[in-house]
Amino acid sequence: MHTHTHTLTEDTCIQRDLQCFQGISGKSQLLFALVFTTRYLDLFTAFISIYNTVMKVVFLVLAYATVSLIYFRFRKSYDSESDSFRVEFLLVPVAGLSFLENYSFTPLEILWTFSIYLESVAILPQLFMITKTGEAESITTHYLFFLGLYRTLYLANWVWRYHEEGFFDQIAVVSGVVQTIFYCDFFYLYFTRVLRGSGKMTLPMPV
């Protein structure tokens, strides 16, 4: 679903040309690219299956293609002034936590843990951007909805695996719950203002 969401967004953006990345946070996309980069370093150390390898490469290619489109091809439509979240406030604590809380104190394991923690907060620059501008285009809200739905379905998968296999990944589950909590307010606004409204999310602005 995450791959399909990225592909759908990029195809729509290319069709709409210069207005396609209005409201999209380049910083969030950079963080997601960093998430997949640090998570899939095992591409160079282990082979699981052709499917697994292909999907990891697809995730990486789409992540960096999105970043390239935002900052280069469609940079005129990118609102860098509104995308002003200080990502160092996420990167530093996440890096520190990945050294303190991990399953094995090895470089690959620490980087994998870093990717899990970072993914749980990578959406914050995007949510901050929407709050700052007070609105979001329909394509942006639909993209965020499916991105949040993808993470919510992961929670259902973890519940099923724990019930059927007794498997419980504390780091992944806790991080997934944190990320879903961040999406809850957006989900409410999506259903009440986008699906039942004009299709464009508008937030009440302070006087």
N, C-alpha and C. Protein backbone atom coordinates (compact mmCIF):
# COMPACT_ATOMS: atom_id res chain seq x y z
N MET A 1 0.82 -1.20 0.00
CA MET A 1 0.00 0.00 0.00
C MET A 1 0.86 1.26 0.00
N HIS A 2 1.95 1.24 0.76
CA HIS A 2 2.84 2.40 0.80
C HIS A 2 3.41 2.66 -0.58
N THR A 3 3.82 1.61 -1.30
CA THR A 3 4.36 1.75 -2.64
C THR A 3 3.31 2.30 -3.59
N HIS A 4 2.08 1.79 -3.51
CA HIS A 4 1.00 2.25 -4.38
C HIS A 4 0.68 3.71 -4.10
N THR A 5 0.72 4.11 -2.84
CA THR A 5 0.44 5.50 -2.48
C THR A 5 1.46 6.43 -3.10
N HIS A 6 2.74 6.08 -3.02
CA HIS A 6 3.79 6.90 -3.63
C HIS A 6 3.61 6.96 -5.15
N THR A 7 3.31 5.83 -5.78
CA THR A 7 3.16 5.79 -7.23
C THR A 7 1.99 6.63 -7.69
N LEU A 8 0.86 6.52 -6.98
CA LEU A 8 -0.33 7.28 -7.32
C LEU A 8 -0.07 8.77 -7.20
N THR A 9 0.61 9.17 -6.15
CA THR A 9 0.91 10.59 -5.94
C THR A 9 1.82 11.12 -7.05
N GLU A 10 2.85 10.37 -7.39
CA GLU A 10 3.78 10.82 -8.42
C GLU A 10 3.10 10.91 -9.78
N ASP A 11 2.27 9.92 -10.14
CA ASP A 11 1.58 9.94 -11.43
C ASP A 11 0.66 11.15 -11.51
N THR A 12 -0.08 11.40 -10.43
CA THR A 12 -1.00 12.53 -10.41
C THR A 12 -0.24 13.84 -10.52
N CYS A 13 0.89 13.92 -9.83
CA CYS A 13 1.70 15.13 -9.86
C CYS A 13 2.24 15.42 -11.25
N ILE A 14 2.71 14.40 -11.93
CA ILE A 14 3.25 14.60 -13.27
C ILE A 14 2.16 15.10 -14.21
N GLN A 15 0.93 14.60 -14.03
CA GLN A 15 -0.17 15.03 -14.87
C GLN A 15 -0.56 16.48 -14.58
N ARG A 16 -0.49 16.88 -13.32
CA ARG A 16 -0.90 18.23 -12.93
C ARG A 16 0.22 19.25 -13.07
N ASP A 17 1.42 18.79 -13.35
CA ASP A 17 2.59 19.62 -13.61
C ASP A 17 2.91 20.52 -12.42
N LEU A 18 2.95 21.85 -12.59
CA LEU A 18 3.58 22.74 -11.63
C LEU A 18 2.87 22.83 -10.28
N GLN A 19 1.60 22.47 -10.18
CA GLN A 19 0.88 22.60 -8.92
C GLN A 19 0.86 21.31 -8.12
N CYS A 20 1.57 20.30 -8.59
CA CYS A 20 1.39 18.96 -8.02
C CYS A 20 1.90 18.81 -6.61
N PHE A 21 2.95 19.54 -6.20
CA PHE A 21 3.51 19.32 -4.88
C PHE A 21 3.17 20.43 -3.90
N GLN A 22 2.15 21.22 -4.22
CA GLN A 22 1.70 22.21 -3.26
C GLN A 22 1.11 21.50 -2.05
N GLY A 23 1.61 21.84 -0.88
CA GLY A 23 1.10 21.23 0.35
C GLY A 23 1.83 19.97 0.77
N ILE A 24 2.75 19.47 -0.05
CA ILE A 24 3.51 18.27 0.30
C ILE A 24 4.80 18.71 1.00
N SER A 25 5.09 18.09 2.13
CA SER A 25 6.31 18.40 2.88
C SER A 25 7.50 17.64 2.32
N GLY A 26 8.45 18.39 1.76
CA GLY A 26 9.67 17.76 1.28
C GLY A 26 10.47 17.17 2.42
N LYS A 27 10.37 17.78 3.60
CA LYS A 27 11.13 17.27 4.75
C LYS A 27 10.61 15.92 5.20
N SER A 28 9.30 15.73 5.17
CA SER A 28 8.76 14.42 5.52
C SER A 28 9.22 13.37 4.51
N GLN A 29 9.23 13.74 3.23
CA GLN A 29 9.66 12.79 2.21
C GLN A 29 11.14 12.45 2.35
N LEU A 30 11.96 13.42 2.73
CA LEU A 30 13.38 13.15 3.00
C LEU A 30 13.54 12.19 4.17
N LEU A 31 12.72 12.39 5.20
CA LEU A 31 12.79 11.50 6.37
C LEU A 31 12.38 10.08 5.99
N PHE A 32 11.34 9.93 5.17
CA PHE A 32 10.93 8.60 4.73
C PHE A 32 12.02 7.95 3.89
N ALA A 33 12.70 8.73 3.05
CA ALA A 33 13.81 8.18 2.27
C ALA A 33 14.92 7.69 3.19
N LEU A 34 15.18 8.46 4.25
CA LEU A 34 16.19 8.05 5.22
C LEU A 34 15.75 6.80 5.97
N VAL A 35 14.46 6.70 6.26
CA VAL A 35 13.91 5.51 6.92
C VAL A 35 14.22 4.26 6.10
N PHE A 36 13.88 4.28 4.81
CA PHE A 36 14.08 3.10 3.98
C PHE A 36 15.56 2.81 3.72
N THR A 37 16.36 3.87 3.66
CA THR A 37 17.79 3.67 3.44
C THR A 37 18.43 2.93 4.61
N THR A 38 18.13 3.37 5.82
CA THR A 38 18.72 2.74 7.01
C THR A 38 18.10 1.38 7.32
N ARG A 39 16.88 1.17 6.87
CA ARG A 39 16.22 -0.12 7.14
C ARG A 39 16.67 -1.21 6.20
N TYR A 40 16.97 -0.85 4.95
CA TYR A 40 17.22 -1.86 3.94
C TYR A 40 18.70 -2.02 3.59
N LEU A 41 19.56 -1.69 4.51
CA LEU A 41 20.99 -1.91 4.30
C LEU A 41 21.33 -3.39 4.23
N ASP A 42 20.41 -4.24 4.71
CA ASP A 42 20.66 -5.68 4.64
C ASP A 42 20.60 -6.21 3.20
N LEU A 43 20.23 -5.32 2.26
CA LEU A 43 20.30 -5.71 0.85
C LEU A 43 21.72 -6.14 0.46
N PHE A 44 22.70 -5.56 1.17
CA PHE A 44 24.10 -5.82 0.85
C PHE A 44 24.69 -6.97 1.68
N THR A 45 23.92 -7.45 2.66
CA THR A 45 24.48 -8.47 3.56
C THR A 45 23.70 -9.78 3.59
N ALA A 46 22.44 -9.75 3.16
CA ALA A 46 21.62 -10.97 3.26
C ALA A 46 20.63 -11.03 2.11
N PHE A 47 20.35 -12.25 1.66
CA PHE A 47 19.35 -12.47 0.61
C PHE A 47 18.23 -13.33 1.18
N ILE A 48 17.00 -12.80 1.17
CA ILE A 48 15.86 -13.53 1.70
C ILE A 48 15.07 -14.17 0.57
N SER A 49 14.70 -13.37 -0.43
CA SER A 49 13.98 -13.87 -1.60
C SER A 49 14.02 -12.80 -2.68
N ILE A 50 13.69 -13.19 -3.90
CA ILE A 50 13.65 -12.22 -4.99
C ILE A 50 12.58 -11.17 -4.72
N TYR A 51 11.43 -11.62 -4.25
CA TYR A 51 10.33 -10.69 -3.96
C TYR A 51 10.75 -9.66 -2.91
N ASN A 52 11.37 -10.13 -1.85
CA ASN A 52 11.81 -9.25 -0.78
C ASN A 52 12.81 -8.22 -1.29
N THR A 53 13.75 -8.66 -2.10
CA THR A 53 14.77 -7.76 -2.65
C THR A 53 14.14 -6.73 -3.59
N VAL A 54 13.27 -7.20 -4.47
CA VAL A 54 12.63 -6.29 -5.43
C VAL A 54 11.81 -5.22 -4.70
N MET A 55 11.04 -5.62 -3.70
CA MET A 55 10.20 -4.66 -2.99
C MET A 55 11.03 -3.63 -2.24
N LYS A 56 12.14 -4.05 -1.66
CA LYS A 56 13.01 -3.10 -0.97
C LYS A 56 13.59 -2.08 -1.95
N VAL A 57 14.02 -2.57 -3.11
CA VAL A 57 14.57 -1.67 -4.12
C VAL A 57 13.49 -0.71 -4.62
N VAL A 58 12.27 -1.21 -4.81
CA VAL A 58 11.17 -0.35 -5.26
C VAL A 58 10.88 0.74 -4.24
N PHE A 59 10.85 0.39 -2.96
CA PHE A 59 10.63 1.37 -1.91
C PHE A 59 11.69 2.47 -1.97
N LEU A 60 12.95 2.07 -2.11
CA LEU A 60 14.04 3.03 -2.15
C LEU A 60 13.95 3.93 -3.37
N VAL A 61 13.70 3.33 -4.52
CA VAL A 61 13.62 4.11 -5.77
C VAL A 61 12.48 5.12 -5.71
N LEU A 62 11.31 4.69 -5.25
CA LEU A 62 10.16 5.59 -5.16
C LEU A 62 10.40 6.71 -4.16
N ALA A 63 11.03 6.37 -3.04
CA ALA A 63 11.30 7.39 -2.01
C ALA A 63 12.20 8.48 -2.56
N TYR A 64 13.29 8.09 -3.22
CA TYR A 64 14.22 9.09 -3.74
C TYR A 64 13.69 9.78 -5.00
N ALA A 65 12.85 9.08 -5.75
CA ALA A 65 12.22 9.72 -6.91
C ALA A 65 11.28 10.83 -6.45
N THR A 66 10.54 10.58 -5.37
CA THR A 66 9.65 11.59 -4.83
C THR A 66 10.42 12.81 -4.36
N VAL A 67 11.51 12.57 -3.65
CA VAL A 67 12.35 13.68 -3.17
C VAL A 67 12.91 14.47 -4.36
N SER A 68 13.35 13.77 -5.38
CA SER A 68 13.90 14.43 -6.56
C SER A 68 12.85 15.29 -7.26
N LEU A 69 11.63 14.77 -7.36
CA LEU A 69 10.57 15.54 -8.01
C LEU A 69 10.24 16.81 -7.22
N ILE A 70 10.22 16.69 -5.90
CA ILE A 70 9.87 17.84 -5.05
C ILE A 70 10.93 18.93 -5.15
N TYR A 71 12.19 18.55 -5.00
CA TYR A 71 13.26 19.55 -4.87
C TYR A 71 13.88 19.97 -6.20
N PHE A 72 13.58 19.24 -7.29
CA PHE A 72 14.20 19.58 -8.56
C PHE A 72 13.17 19.81 -9.66
N ARG A 73 12.50 18.78 -10.12
CA ARG A 73 11.62 18.94 -11.28
C ARG A 73 10.45 19.88 -11.00
N PHE A 74 9.82 19.74 -9.82
CA PHE A 74 8.66 20.57 -9.51
C PHE A 74 8.93 21.52 -8.35
N ARG A 75 10.15 22.02 -8.26
CA ARG A 75 10.52 22.85 -7.13
C ARG A 75 9.72 24.16 -7.06
N LYS A 76 9.19 24.63 -8.20
CA LYS A 76 8.42 25.87 -8.20
C LYS A 76 7.10 25.73 -7.44
N SER A 77 6.59 24.51 -7.36
CA SER A 77 5.33 24.30 -6.64
C SER A 77 5.54 23.92 -5.18
N TYR A 78 6.80 23.70 -4.80
CA TYR A 78 7.10 23.31 -3.42
C TYR A 78 7.16 24.54 -2.52
N ASP A 79 6.36 24.54 -1.47
CA ASP A 79 6.27 25.66 -0.54
C ASP A 79 7.28 25.48 0.59
N SER A 80 8.52 25.87 0.34
CA SER A 80 9.58 25.66 1.33
C SER A 80 9.40 26.53 2.57
N GLU A 81 8.75 27.69 2.42
CA GLU A 81 8.56 28.57 3.57
C GLU A 81 7.62 27.96 4.60
N SER A 82 6.60 27.27 4.12
CA SER A 82 5.65 26.63 5.05
C SER A 82 6.19 25.31 5.59
N ASP A 83 7.12 24.71 4.84
CA ASP A 83 7.72 23.44 5.27
C ASP A 83 8.92 23.75 6.17
N SER A 84 8.63 24.26 7.36
CA SER A 84 9.69 24.82 8.21
C SER A 84 9.93 24.05 9.51
N PHE A 85 9.43 22.83 9.57
CA PHE A 85 9.63 22.01 10.78
C PHE A 85 11.12 21.73 10.98
N ARG A 86 11.59 21.84 12.21
CA ARG A 86 13.00 21.61 12.52
C ARG A 86 13.22 20.10 12.69
N VAL A 87 13.68 19.46 11.62
CA VAL A 87 13.81 18.00 11.64
C VAL A 87 14.89 17.52 12.60
N GLU A 88 15.83 18.40 12.96
CA GLU A 88 16.84 17.99 13.92
C GLU A 88 16.24 17.66 15.28
N PHE A 89 15.05 18.24 15.56
CA PHE A 89 14.36 17.92 16.81
C PHE A 89 13.82 16.50 16.81
N LEU A 90 13.76 15.88 15.64
CA LEU A 90 13.37 14.48 15.52
C LEU A 90 14.59 13.58 15.39
N LEU A 91 15.53 13.98 14.56
CA LEU A 91 16.68 13.12 14.27
C LEU A 91 17.56 12.87 15.49
N VAL A 92 17.83 13.91 16.26
CA VAL A 92 18.72 13.75 17.41
C VAL A 92 18.13 12.82 18.48
N PRO A 93 16.88 13.04 18.94
CA PRO A 93 16.31 12.11 19.93
C PRO A 93 16.17 10.69 19.40
N VAL A 94 15.76 10.55 18.13
CA VAL A 94 15.59 9.22 17.55
C VAL A 94 16.93 8.49 17.48
N ALA A 95 17.98 9.20 17.08
CA ALA A 95 19.31 8.59 17.01
C ALA A 95 19.76 8.15 18.41
N GLY A 96 19.56 9.01 19.39
CA GLY A 96 19.95 8.67 20.76
C GLY A 96 19.18 7.47 21.28
N LEU A 97 17.86 7.44 21.01
CA LEU A 97 17.03 6.34 21.49
C LEU A 97 17.42 5.02 20.83
N SER A 98 17.81 5.08 19.55
CA SER A 98 18.18 3.85 18.85
C SER A 98 19.45 3.23 19.42
N PHE A 99 20.31 4.05 20.03
CA PHE A 99 21.50 3.51 20.69
C PHE A 99 21.16 2.92 22.05
N LEU A 100 20.14 3.48 22.69
CA LEU A 100 19.78 3.03 24.05
C LEU A 100 18.84 1.84 24.04
N GLU A 101 17.88 1.82 23.11
CA GLU A 101 16.87 0.77 23.08
C GLU A 101 16.93 0.04 21.74
N ASN A 102 17.57 -1.12 21.72
CA ASN A 102 17.66 -1.95 20.51
C ASN A 102 17.80 -3.41 20.93
N TYR A 103 17.73 -4.29 19.95
CA TYR A 103 17.81 -5.71 20.24
C TYR A 103 19.25 -6.24 20.23
N SER A 104 20.13 -5.52 19.56
CA SER A 104 21.52 -5.94 19.48
C SER A 104 22.37 -4.73 19.14
N PHE A 105 23.46 -4.54 19.90
CA PHE A 105 24.29 -3.35 19.71
C PHE A 105 25.29 -3.57 18.58
N THR A 106 24.73 -3.68 17.35
CA THR A 106 25.53 -3.80 16.15
C THR A 106 25.11 -2.70 15.18
N PRO A 107 25.98 -2.29 14.25
CA PRO A 107 25.63 -1.18 13.35
C PRO A 107 24.33 -1.38 12.59
N LEU A 108 24.13 -2.55 11.97
CA LEU A 108 22.92 -2.77 11.20
C LEU A 108 21.68 -2.79 12.07
N GLU A 109 21.79 -3.37 13.26
CA GLU A 109 20.64 -3.44 14.16
C GLU A 109 20.28 -2.06 14.69
N ILE A 110 21.28 -1.25 15.00
CA ILE A 110 21.03 0.11 15.48
C ILE A 110 20.38 0.94 14.37
N LEU A 111 20.86 0.80 13.15
CA LEU A 111 20.28 1.53 12.03
C LEU A 111 18.85 1.07 11.73
N TRP A 112 18.60 -0.25 11.86
CA TRP A 112 17.24 -0.74 11.68
C TRP A 112 16.32 -0.15 12.75
N THR A 113 16.78 -0.15 13.99
CA THR A 113 16.00 0.43 15.08
C THR A 113 15.76 1.91 14.84
N PHE A 114 16.79 2.62 14.38
CA PHE A 114 16.67 4.04 14.04
C PHE A 114 15.57 4.25 13.01
N SER A 115 15.51 3.37 12.00
CA SER A 115 14.50 3.51 10.95
C SER A 115 13.08 3.32 11.50
N ILE A 116 12.93 2.39 12.43
CA ILE A 116 11.61 2.15 13.02
C ILE A 116 11.16 3.35 13.84
N TYR A 117 12.04 3.87 14.68
CA TYR A 117 11.71 5.04 15.48
C TYR A 117 11.44 6.26 14.60
N LEU A 118 12.28 6.45 13.58
CA LEU A 118 12.13 7.62 12.72
C LEU A 118 10.82 7.57 11.93
N GLU A 119 10.45 6.38 11.47
CA GLU A 119 9.21 6.28 10.70
C GLU A 119 8.00 6.70 11.52
N SER A 120 8.05 6.47 12.82
CA SER A 120 6.91 6.82 13.67
C SER A 120 6.69 8.32 13.77
N VAL A 121 7.73 9.12 13.49
CA VAL A 121 7.60 10.58 13.62
C VAL A 121 7.86 11.30 12.30
N ALA A 122 8.15 10.57 11.23
CA ALA A 122 8.50 11.20 9.96
C ALA A 122 7.37 12.02 9.36
N ILE A 123 6.14 11.73 9.76
CA ILE A 123 4.99 12.45 9.21
C ILE A 123 4.78 13.80 9.88
N LEU A 124 5.46 14.06 10.99
CA LEU A 124 5.22 15.30 11.74
C LEU A 124 5.48 16.57 10.92
N PRO A 125 6.56 16.66 10.12
CA PRO A 125 6.71 17.87 9.29
C PRO A 125 5.52 18.11 8.36
N GLN A 126 4.93 17.03 7.83
CA GLN A 126 3.76 17.17 6.96
C GLN A 126 2.55 17.68 7.73
N LEU A 127 2.30 17.11 8.90
CA LEU A 127 1.18 17.55 9.72
C LEU A 127 1.39 18.98 10.20
N PHE A 128 2.63 19.32 10.52
CA PHE A 128 2.95 20.69 10.93
C PHE A 128 2.71 21.67 9.78
N MET A 129 3.04 21.26 8.58
CA MET A 129 2.84 22.12 7.41
C MET A 129 1.36 22.40 7.17
N ILE A 130 0.52 21.37 7.32
CA ILE A 130 -0.91 21.55 7.16
C ILE A 130 -1.45 22.50 8.23
N THR A 131 -0.99 22.32 9.45
CA THR A 131 -1.43 23.19 10.54
C THR A 131 -1.01 24.64 10.29
N LYS A 132 0.20 24.81 9.75
CA LYS A 132 0.72 26.16 9.53
C LYS A 132 -0.02 26.87 8.40
N THR A 133 -0.31 26.16 7.31
CA THR A 133 -0.98 26.78 6.17
C THR A 133 -2.48 26.86 6.37
N GLY A 134 -3.02 25.96 7.22
CA GLY A 134 -4.45 25.99 7.52
C GLY A 134 -5.30 25.25 6.52
N GLU A 135 -4.69 24.64 5.50
CA GLU A 135 -5.46 23.89 4.51
C GLU A 135 -4.58 22.90 3.78
N ALA A 136 -5.24 21.99 3.07
CA ALA A 136 -4.51 21.00 2.26
C ALA A 136 -5.38 20.60 1.09
N GLU A 137 -4.73 20.45 -0.07
CA GLU A 137 -5.45 20.03 -1.27
C GLU A 137 -5.92 18.59 -1.12
N SER A 138 -6.91 18.22 -1.94
CA SER A 138 -7.50 16.89 -1.82
C SER A 138 -6.48 15.79 -2.07
N ILE A 139 -5.57 15.97 -3.07
CA ILE A 139 -4.59 14.93 -3.36
C ILE A 139 -3.66 14.73 -2.17
N THR A 140 -3.35 15.82 -1.45
CA THR A 140 -2.49 15.72 -0.27
C THR A 140 -3.18 14.96 0.84
N THR A 141 -4.45 15.28 1.08
CA THR A 141 -5.19 14.61 2.16
C THR A 141 -5.41 13.14 1.85
N HIS A 142 -5.69 12.81 0.59
CA HIS A 142 -5.87 11.41 0.22
C HIS A 142 -4.56 10.64 0.39
N TYR A 143 -3.45 11.25 0.01
CA TYR A 143 -2.13 10.63 0.17
C TYR A 143 -1.85 10.34 1.65
N LEU A 144 -2.11 11.33 2.51
CA LEU A 144 -1.86 11.15 3.94
C LEU A 144 -2.79 10.11 4.54
N PHE A 145 -4.03 10.08 4.07
CA PHE A 145 -4.98 9.10 4.59
C PHE A 145 -4.49 7.68 4.30
N PHE A 146 -4.10 7.41 3.07
CA PHE A 146 -3.66 6.06 2.73
C PHE A 146 -2.32 5.72 3.38
N LEU A 147 -1.49 6.73 3.60
CA LEU A 147 -0.24 6.49 4.32
C LEU A 147 -0.54 6.09 5.77
N GLY A 148 -1.49 6.79 6.39
CA GLY A 148 -1.89 6.45 7.75
C GLY A 148 -2.59 5.11 7.82
N LEU A 149 -3.41 4.81 6.80
CA LEU A 149 -4.11 3.53 6.76
C LEU A 149 -3.12 2.38 6.66
N TYR A 150 -2.07 2.59 5.89
CA TYR A 150 -1.01 1.58 5.75
C TYR A 150 -0.41 1.24 7.10
N ARG A 151 -0.15 2.25 7.93
CA ARG A 151 0.42 2.00 9.25
C ARG A 151 -0.60 1.37 10.19
N THR A 152 -1.86 1.78 10.07
CA THR A 152 -2.89 1.21 10.93
C THR A 152 -3.09 -0.27 10.64
N LEU A 153 -3.01 -0.64 9.36
CA LEU A 153 -3.13 -2.06 8.99
C LEU A 153 -1.97 -2.87 9.54
N TYR A 154 -0.81 -2.24 9.70
CA TYR A 154 0.32 -2.93 10.31
C TYR A 154 -0.01 -3.33 11.75
N LEU A 155 -0.73 -2.46 12.46
CA LEU A 155 -1.13 -2.80 13.83
C LEU A 155 -2.00 -4.05 13.83
N ALA A 156 -2.93 -4.12 12.88
CA ALA A 156 -3.79 -5.31 12.78
C ALA A 156 -2.95 -6.55 12.48
N ASN A 157 -1.92 -6.40 11.65
CA ASN A 157 -1.02 -7.52 11.32
C ASN A 157 -0.26 -7.99 12.56
N TRP A 158 0.19 -7.04 13.40
CA TRP A 158 0.91 -7.42 14.61
C TRP A 158 0.00 -8.15 15.59
N VAL A 159 -1.25 -7.71 15.69
CA VAL A 159 -2.21 -8.39 16.57
C VAL A 159 -2.43 -9.81 16.08
N TRP A 160 -2.58 -9.97 14.76
CA TRP A 160 -2.80 -11.29 14.20
C TRP A 160 -1.59 -12.20 14.43
N ARG A 161 -0.38 -11.68 14.22
CA ARG A 161 0.83 -12.48 14.40
C ARG A 161 1.02 -12.88 15.87
N TYR A 162 0.67 -11.98 16.76
CA TYR A 162 0.79 -12.32 18.18
C TYR A 162 -0.21 -13.41 18.55
N HIS A 163 -1.41 -13.30 18.01
CA HIS A 163 -2.46 -14.28 18.31
C HIS A 163 -2.15 -15.65 17.70
N GLU A 164 -1.65 -15.65 16.45
CA GLU A 164 -1.43 -16.90 15.73
C GLU A 164 -0.05 -17.50 15.97
N GLU A 165 0.97 -16.65 16.12
CA GLU A 165 2.35 -17.14 16.19
C GLU A 165 3.04 -16.85 17.52
N GLY A 166 2.40 -16.02 18.36
CA GLY A 166 3.04 -15.64 19.61
C GLY A 166 4.19 -14.67 19.40
N PHE A 167 4.24 -14.03 18.21
CA PHE A 167 5.33 -13.11 17.87
C PHE A 167 4.97 -11.70 18.34
N PHE A 168 5.92 -11.05 19.03
CA PHE A 168 5.68 -9.68 19.49
C PHE A 168 6.98 -8.89 19.39
N ASP A 169 6.99 -7.89 18.51
CA ASP A 169 8.15 -7.01 18.33
C ASP A 169 7.84 -5.70 19.06
N GLN A 170 8.37 -5.58 20.27
CA GLN A 170 8.02 -4.44 21.11
C GLN A 170 8.38 -3.10 20.47
N ILE A 171 9.56 -3.01 19.88
CA ILE A 171 9.99 -1.75 19.27
C ILE A 171 9.08 -1.35 18.12
N ALA A 172 8.78 -2.29 17.24
CA ALA A 172 7.93 -1.98 16.08
C ALA A 172 6.50 -1.67 16.50
N VAL A 173 5.97 -2.41 17.46
CA VAL A 173 4.59 -2.20 17.89
C VAL A 173 4.43 -0.85 18.58
N VAL A 174 5.29 -0.54 19.52
CA VAL A 174 5.20 0.73 20.23
C VAL A 174 5.36 1.90 19.27
N SER A 175 6.31 1.80 18.35
CA SER A 175 6.51 2.86 17.37
C SER A 175 5.30 3.01 16.46
N GLY A 176 4.71 1.88 16.07
CA GLY A 176 3.52 1.92 15.23
C GLY A 176 2.34 2.56 15.93
N VAL A 177 2.18 2.27 17.21
CA VAL A 177 1.10 2.88 17.99
C VAL A 177 1.30 4.39 18.08
N VAL A 178 2.53 4.81 18.33
CA VAL A 178 2.83 6.24 18.40
C VAL A 178 2.49 6.93 17.09
N GLN A 179 2.89 6.32 15.98
CA GLN A 179 2.61 6.93 14.68
C GLN A 179 1.11 7.00 14.42
N THR A 180 0.36 5.95 14.77
CA THR A 180 -1.08 5.95 14.57
C THR A 180 -1.75 7.03 15.40
N ILE A 181 -1.25 7.27 16.60
CA ILE A 181 -1.80 8.34 17.45
C ILE A 181 -1.65 9.69 16.76
N PHE A 182 -0.48 9.91 16.13
CA PHE A 182 -0.27 11.17 15.41
C PHE A 182 -1.28 11.34 14.28
N TYR A 183 -1.71 10.24 13.69
CA TYR A 183 -2.64 10.31 12.58
C TYR A 183 -4.09 10.47 13.02
N CYS A 184 -4.41 10.18 14.26
CA CYS A 184 -5.81 10.15 14.70
C CYS A 184 -6.55 11.45 14.43
N ASP A 185 -5.92 12.58 14.79
CA ASP A 185 -6.57 13.87 14.57
C ASP A 185 -6.77 14.13 13.08
N PHE A 186 -5.77 13.73 12.28
CA PHE A 186 -5.91 13.90 10.83
C PHE A 186 -7.04 13.04 10.30
N PHE A 187 -7.17 11.79 10.78
CA PHE A 187 -8.26 10.92 10.33
C PHE A 187 -9.61 11.56 10.61
N TYR A 188 -9.75 12.15 11.78
CA TYR A 188 -11.02 12.80 12.14
C TYR A 188 -11.34 13.93 11.17
N LEU A 189 -10.34 14.78 10.91
CA LEU A 189 -10.55 15.89 9.98
C LEU A 189 -10.81 15.39 8.56
N TYR A 190 -10.16 14.30 8.19
CA TYR A 190 -10.32 13.74 6.85
C TYR A 190 -11.77 13.30 6.63
N PHE A 191 -12.32 12.58 7.59
CA PHE A 191 -13.69 12.08 7.46
C PHE A 191 -14.73 13.18 7.58
N THR A 192 -14.49 14.15 8.46
CA THR A 192 -15.51 15.18 8.71
C THR A 192 -15.44 16.35 7.72
N ARG A 193 -14.25 16.64 7.17
CA ARG A 193 -14.12 17.84 6.32
C ARG A 193 -13.80 17.53 4.87
N VAL A 194 -13.19 16.37 4.61
CA VAL A 194 -12.85 16.04 3.23
C VAL A 194 -13.92 15.16 2.60
N LEU A 195 -14.19 14.02 3.21
CA LEU A 195 -15.17 13.10 2.63
C LEU A 195 -16.59 13.65 2.69
N ARG A 196 -16.91 14.39 3.75
CA ARG A 196 -18.26 14.94 3.89
C ARG A 196 -18.36 16.40 3.45
N GLY A 197 -17.24 16.96 3.04
CA GLY A 197 -17.23 18.36 2.66
C GLY A 197 -16.93 18.56 1.19
N SER A 198 -16.07 19.56 0.89
CA SER A 198 -15.78 19.94 -0.48
C SER A 198 -14.62 19.16 -1.08
N GLY A 199 -13.98 18.32 -0.27
CA GLY A 199 -12.82 17.59 -0.75
C GLY A 199 -11.51 18.25 -0.41
N LYS A 200 -11.55 19.44 0.13
CA LYS A 200 -10.35 20.17 0.52
C LYS A 200 -10.38 20.40 2.02
N MET A 201 -9.29 20.05 2.69
CA MET A 201 -9.24 20.20 4.14
C MET A 201 -8.87 21.63 4.50
N THR A 202 -9.74 22.27 5.30
CA THR A 202 -9.48 23.62 5.78
C THR A 202 -9.58 23.63 7.28
N LEU A 203 -8.54 24.12 7.94
CA LEU A 203 -8.51 24.16 9.39
C LEU A 203 -8.90 25.54 9.88
N PRO A 204 -9.51 25.61 11.07
CA PRO A 204 -9.82 26.93 11.64
C PRO A 204 -8.55 27.65 11.99
N MET A 205 -8.39 28.87 11.52
CA MET A 205 -7.18 29.65 11.78
C MET A 205 -7.39 30.53 12.99
N PRO A 206 -6.36 30.67 13.86
CA PRO A 206 -6.49 31.52 15.02
C PRO A 206 -6.63 32.99 14.63
N VAL A 207 -7.42 33.71 15.38
CA VAL A 207 -7.64 35.13 15.11
C VAL A 207 -6.47 35.95 15.65
